Amino acid sequence: MGGVIELFLIMLAIATAAFVPLGYFIYIYTRKNGEPFGETEPHGDSHSFVNDLAETAIDFIKTRLAKK
């Protein structure tokens, strides 16, 4: 009987360690009224070097194709 109790306590400790991050995420999510990561901008609203470079490349290709 002692082995069953020991196994139960070990499994309980493993389950607790596995689900603590989920519980923390739910706690933060409900505390900030549905915004778990704070204020985030929708995709495409912020300017970045990569976005500007991609737009420049697309415009360059469009002008080259339009000339032919």
N, C-alpha and C. Protein backbone atom coordinates (compact mmCIF):
# COMPACT_ATOMS: atom_id res chain seq x y z
N MET A 1 0.82 -1.20 0.00
CA MET A 1 0.00 0.00 0.00
C MET A 1 0.86 1.26 0.00
N GLY A 2 2.02 1.19 0.63
CA GLY A 2 2.91 2.34 0.68
C GLY A 2 3.43 2.72 -0.70
N GLY A 3 3.60 1.71 -1.58
CA GLY A 3 4.08 1.98 -2.93
C GLY A 3 3.07 2.75 -3.75
N VAL A 4 1.80 2.46 -3.54
CA VAL A 4 0.74 3.16 -4.27
C VAL A 4 0.68 4.62 -3.85
N ILE A 5 0.80 4.88 -2.56
CA ILE A 5 0.76 6.25 -2.06
C ILE A 5 1.99 7.02 -2.56
N GLU A 6 3.14 6.36 -2.53
CA GLU A 6 4.37 7.00 -3.02
C GLU A 6 4.24 7.33 -4.51
N LEU A 7 3.72 6.42 -5.30
CA LEU A 7 3.52 6.64 -6.73
C LEU A 7 2.52 7.78 -6.97
N PHE A 8 1.46 7.82 -6.17
CA PHE A 8 0.46 8.88 -6.29
C PHE A 8 1.08 10.25 -6.01
N LEU A 9 1.90 10.35 -4.98
CA LEU A 9 2.53 11.63 -4.65
C LEU A 9 3.52 12.07 -5.72
N ILE A 10 4.27 11.13 -6.29
CA ILE A 10 5.20 11.46 -7.36
C ILE A 10 4.44 11.93 -8.59
N MET A 11 3.36 11.24 -8.95
CA MET A 11 2.57 11.64 -10.11
C MET A 11 1.89 12.99 -9.87
N LEU A 12 1.48 13.25 -8.65
CA LEU A 12 0.88 14.54 -8.31
C LEU A 12 1.91 15.66 -8.46
N ALA A 13 3.13 15.43 -8.05
CA ALA A 13 4.19 16.44 -8.19
C ALA A 13 4.50 16.69 -9.66
N ILE A 14 4.54 15.66 -10.48
CA ILE A 14 4.80 15.81 -11.91
C ILE A 14 3.66 16.57 -12.58
N ALA A 15 2.42 16.23 -12.24
CA ALA A 15 1.26 16.91 -12.82
C ALA A 15 1.24 18.38 -12.41
N THR A 16 1.60 18.67 -11.19
CA THR A 16 1.64 20.05 -10.72
C THR A 16 2.68 20.85 -11.50
N ALA A 17 3.86 20.26 -11.68
CA ALA A 17 4.92 20.94 -12.43
C ALA A 17 4.52 21.15 -13.89
N ALA A 18 3.74 20.22 -14.45
CA ALA A 18 3.35 20.33 -15.85
C ALA A 18 2.28 21.39 -16.06
N PHE A 19 1.38 21.58 -15.12
CA PHE A 19 0.25 22.48 -15.33
C PHE A 19 0.39 23.85 -14.68
N VAL A 20 1.47 24.09 -13.96
CA VAL A 20 1.67 25.42 -13.36
C VAL A 20 1.81 26.51 -14.43
N PRO A 21 2.57 26.30 -15.52
CA PRO A 21 2.62 27.36 -16.55
C PRO A 21 1.26 27.67 -17.16
N LEU A 22 0.44 26.67 -17.36
CA LEU A 22 -0.90 26.90 -17.90
C LEU A 22 -1.74 27.72 -16.93
N GLY A 23 -1.67 27.39 -15.67
CA GLY A 23 -2.41 28.15 -14.66
C GLY A 23 -1.94 29.58 -14.58
N TYR A 24 -0.64 29.80 -14.70
CA TYR A 24 -0.10 31.16 -14.66
C TYR A 24 -0.58 31.96 -15.87
N PHE A 25 -0.58 31.34 -17.05
CA PHE A 25 -1.06 32.01 -18.25
C PHE A 25 -2.53 32.39 -18.11
N ILE A 26 -3.34 31.50 -17.61
CA ILE A 26 -4.77 31.79 -17.42
C ILE A 26 -4.94 32.92 -16.41
N TYR A 27 -4.14 32.91 -15.36
CA TYR A 27 -4.22 33.97 -14.35
C TYR A 27 -3.88 35.33 -14.97
N ILE A 28 -2.81 35.41 -15.72
CA ILE A 28 -2.41 36.66 -16.35
C ILE A 28 -3.45 37.09 -17.38
N TYR A 29 -3.98 36.14 -18.14
CA TYR A 29 -4.98 36.45 -19.17
C TYR A 29 -6.24 37.05 -18.55
N THR A 30 -6.71 36.49 -17.46
CA THR A 30 -7.93 37.00 -16.84
C THR A 30 -7.68 38.30 -16.08
N ARG A 31 -6.46 38.51 -15.62
CA ARG A 31 -6.15 39.72 -14.87
C ARG A 31 -6.12 40.94 -15.77
N LYS A 32 -5.66 40.78 -17.01
CA LYS A 32 -5.52 41.91 -17.93
C LYS A 32 -6.72 42.03 -18.87
N ASN A 33 -7.85 41.48 -18.52
CA ASN A 33 -9.08 41.60 -19.30
C ASN A 33 -8.90 41.12 -20.74
N GLY A 34 -8.35 39.95 -20.91
CA GLY A 34 -8.24 39.37 -22.24
C GLY A 34 -7.03 39.80 -23.03
N GLU A 35 -6.08 40.46 -22.42
CA GLU A 35 -4.86 40.87 -23.11
C GLU A 35 -3.65 40.27 -22.40
N PRO A 36 -3.34 39.01 -22.68
CA PRO A 36 -2.27 38.36 -21.92
C PRO A 36 -0.88 38.90 -22.24
N PHE A 37 -0.70 39.50 -23.39
CA PHE A 37 0.62 39.98 -23.78
C PHE A 37 0.69 41.50 -23.79
N GLY A 38 -0.25 42.16 -23.16
CA GLY A 38 -0.24 43.61 -23.12
C GLY A 38 -0.77 44.21 -24.40
N GLU A 39 -0.40 45.44 -24.63
CA GLU A 39 -0.84 46.15 -25.84
C GLU A 39 -0.02 45.68 -27.03
N THR A 40 -0.69 45.10 -28.02
CA THR A 40 -0.01 44.67 -29.23
C THR A 40 -0.65 45.34 -30.43
N GLU A 41 0.16 45.60 -31.44
CA GLU A 41 -0.36 46.22 -32.65
C GLU A 41 -0.78 45.14 -33.63
N PRO A 42 -1.81 45.40 -34.41
CA PRO A 42 -2.18 44.44 -35.45
C PRO A 42 -1.05 44.29 -36.46
N HIS A 43 -1.00 43.17 -37.10
CA HIS A 43 0.07 42.89 -38.05
C HIS A 43 0.02 43.88 -39.21
N GLY A 44 1.15 44.43 -39.56
CA GLY A 44 1.23 45.33 -40.69
C GLY A 44 1.16 46.80 -40.33
N ASP A 45 0.87 47.14 -39.11
CA ASP A 45 0.76 48.55 -38.73
C ASP A 45 2.11 49.18 -38.41
N SER A 46 3.06 48.37 -37.99
CA SER A 46 4.35 48.93 -37.60
C SER A 46 5.34 48.85 -38.76
N HIS A 47 6.16 49.88 -38.92
CA HIS A 47 7.16 49.92 -39.98
C HIS A 47 8.42 49.20 -39.50
N SER A 48 9.03 48.48 -40.40
CA SER A 48 10.30 47.85 -40.08
C SER A 48 11.16 47.84 -41.33
N PHE A 49 12.43 47.62 -41.14
CA PHE A 49 13.37 47.60 -42.25
C PHE A 49 13.03 46.48 -43.23
N VAL A 50 12.65 45.33 -42.72
CA VAL A 50 12.34 44.19 -43.58
C VAL A 50 11.10 44.48 -44.43
N ASN A 51 10.07 45.07 -43.83
CA ASN A 51 8.86 45.41 -44.59
C ASN A 51 9.16 46.44 -45.67
N ASP A 52 9.95 47.45 -45.33
CA ASP A 52 10.32 48.47 -46.32
C ASP A 52 11.14 47.87 -47.46
N LEU A 53 12.06 46.97 -47.12
CA LEU A 53 12.89 46.33 -48.14
C LEU A 53 12.03 45.46 -49.06
N ALA A 54 11.08 44.74 -48.50
CA ALA A 54 10.20 43.90 -49.31
C ALA A 54 9.32 44.74 -50.23
N GLU A 55 8.79 45.84 -49.72
CA GLU A 55 7.97 46.72 -50.57
C GLU A 55 8.79 47.32 -51.70
N THR A 56 10.03 47.69 -51.41
CA THR A 56 10.91 48.24 -52.44
C THR A 56 11.19 47.20 -53.52
N ALA A 57 11.45 45.98 -53.10
CA ALA A 57 11.74 44.91 -54.06
C ALA A 57 10.51 44.60 -54.92
N ILE A 58 9.34 44.59 -54.34
CA ILE A 58 8.11 44.32 -55.09
C ILE A 58 7.86 45.44 -56.10
N ASP A 59 8.04 46.68 -55.67
CA ASP A 59 7.85 47.81 -56.59
C ASP A 59 8.86 47.75 -57.74
N PHE A 60 10.10 47.38 -57.44
CA PHE A 60 11.14 47.27 -58.47
C PHE A 60 10.77 46.20 -59.50
N ILE A 61 10.30 45.06 -59.03
CA ILE A 61 9.92 43.97 -59.94
C ILE A 61 8.71 44.37 -60.77
N LYS A 62 7.75 45.05 -60.16
CA LYS A 62 6.56 45.49 -60.91
C LYS A 62 6.94 46.47 -62.01
N THR A 63 7.85 47.40 -61.72
CA THR A 63 8.24 48.36 -62.77
C THR A 63 9.02 47.68 -63.88
N ARG A 64 9.85 46.70 -63.56
CA ARG A 64 10.60 45.97 -64.59
C ARG A 64 9.66 45.15 -65.47
N LEU A 65 8.65 44.53 -64.88
CA LEU A 65 7.70 43.74 -65.65
C LEU A 65 6.79 44.64 -66.50
N ALA A 66 6.50 45.82 -66.02
CA ALA A 66 5.62 46.73 -66.76
C ALA A 66 6.32 47.29 -67.99
N LYS A 67 7.65 47.42 -67.95
CA LYS A 67 8.40 47.95 -69.09
C LYS A 67 8.48 46.95 -70.23
N LYS A 68 8.41 45.66 -69.94
CA LYS A 68 8.56 44.64 -70.99
C LYS A 68 7.26 44.32 -71.63
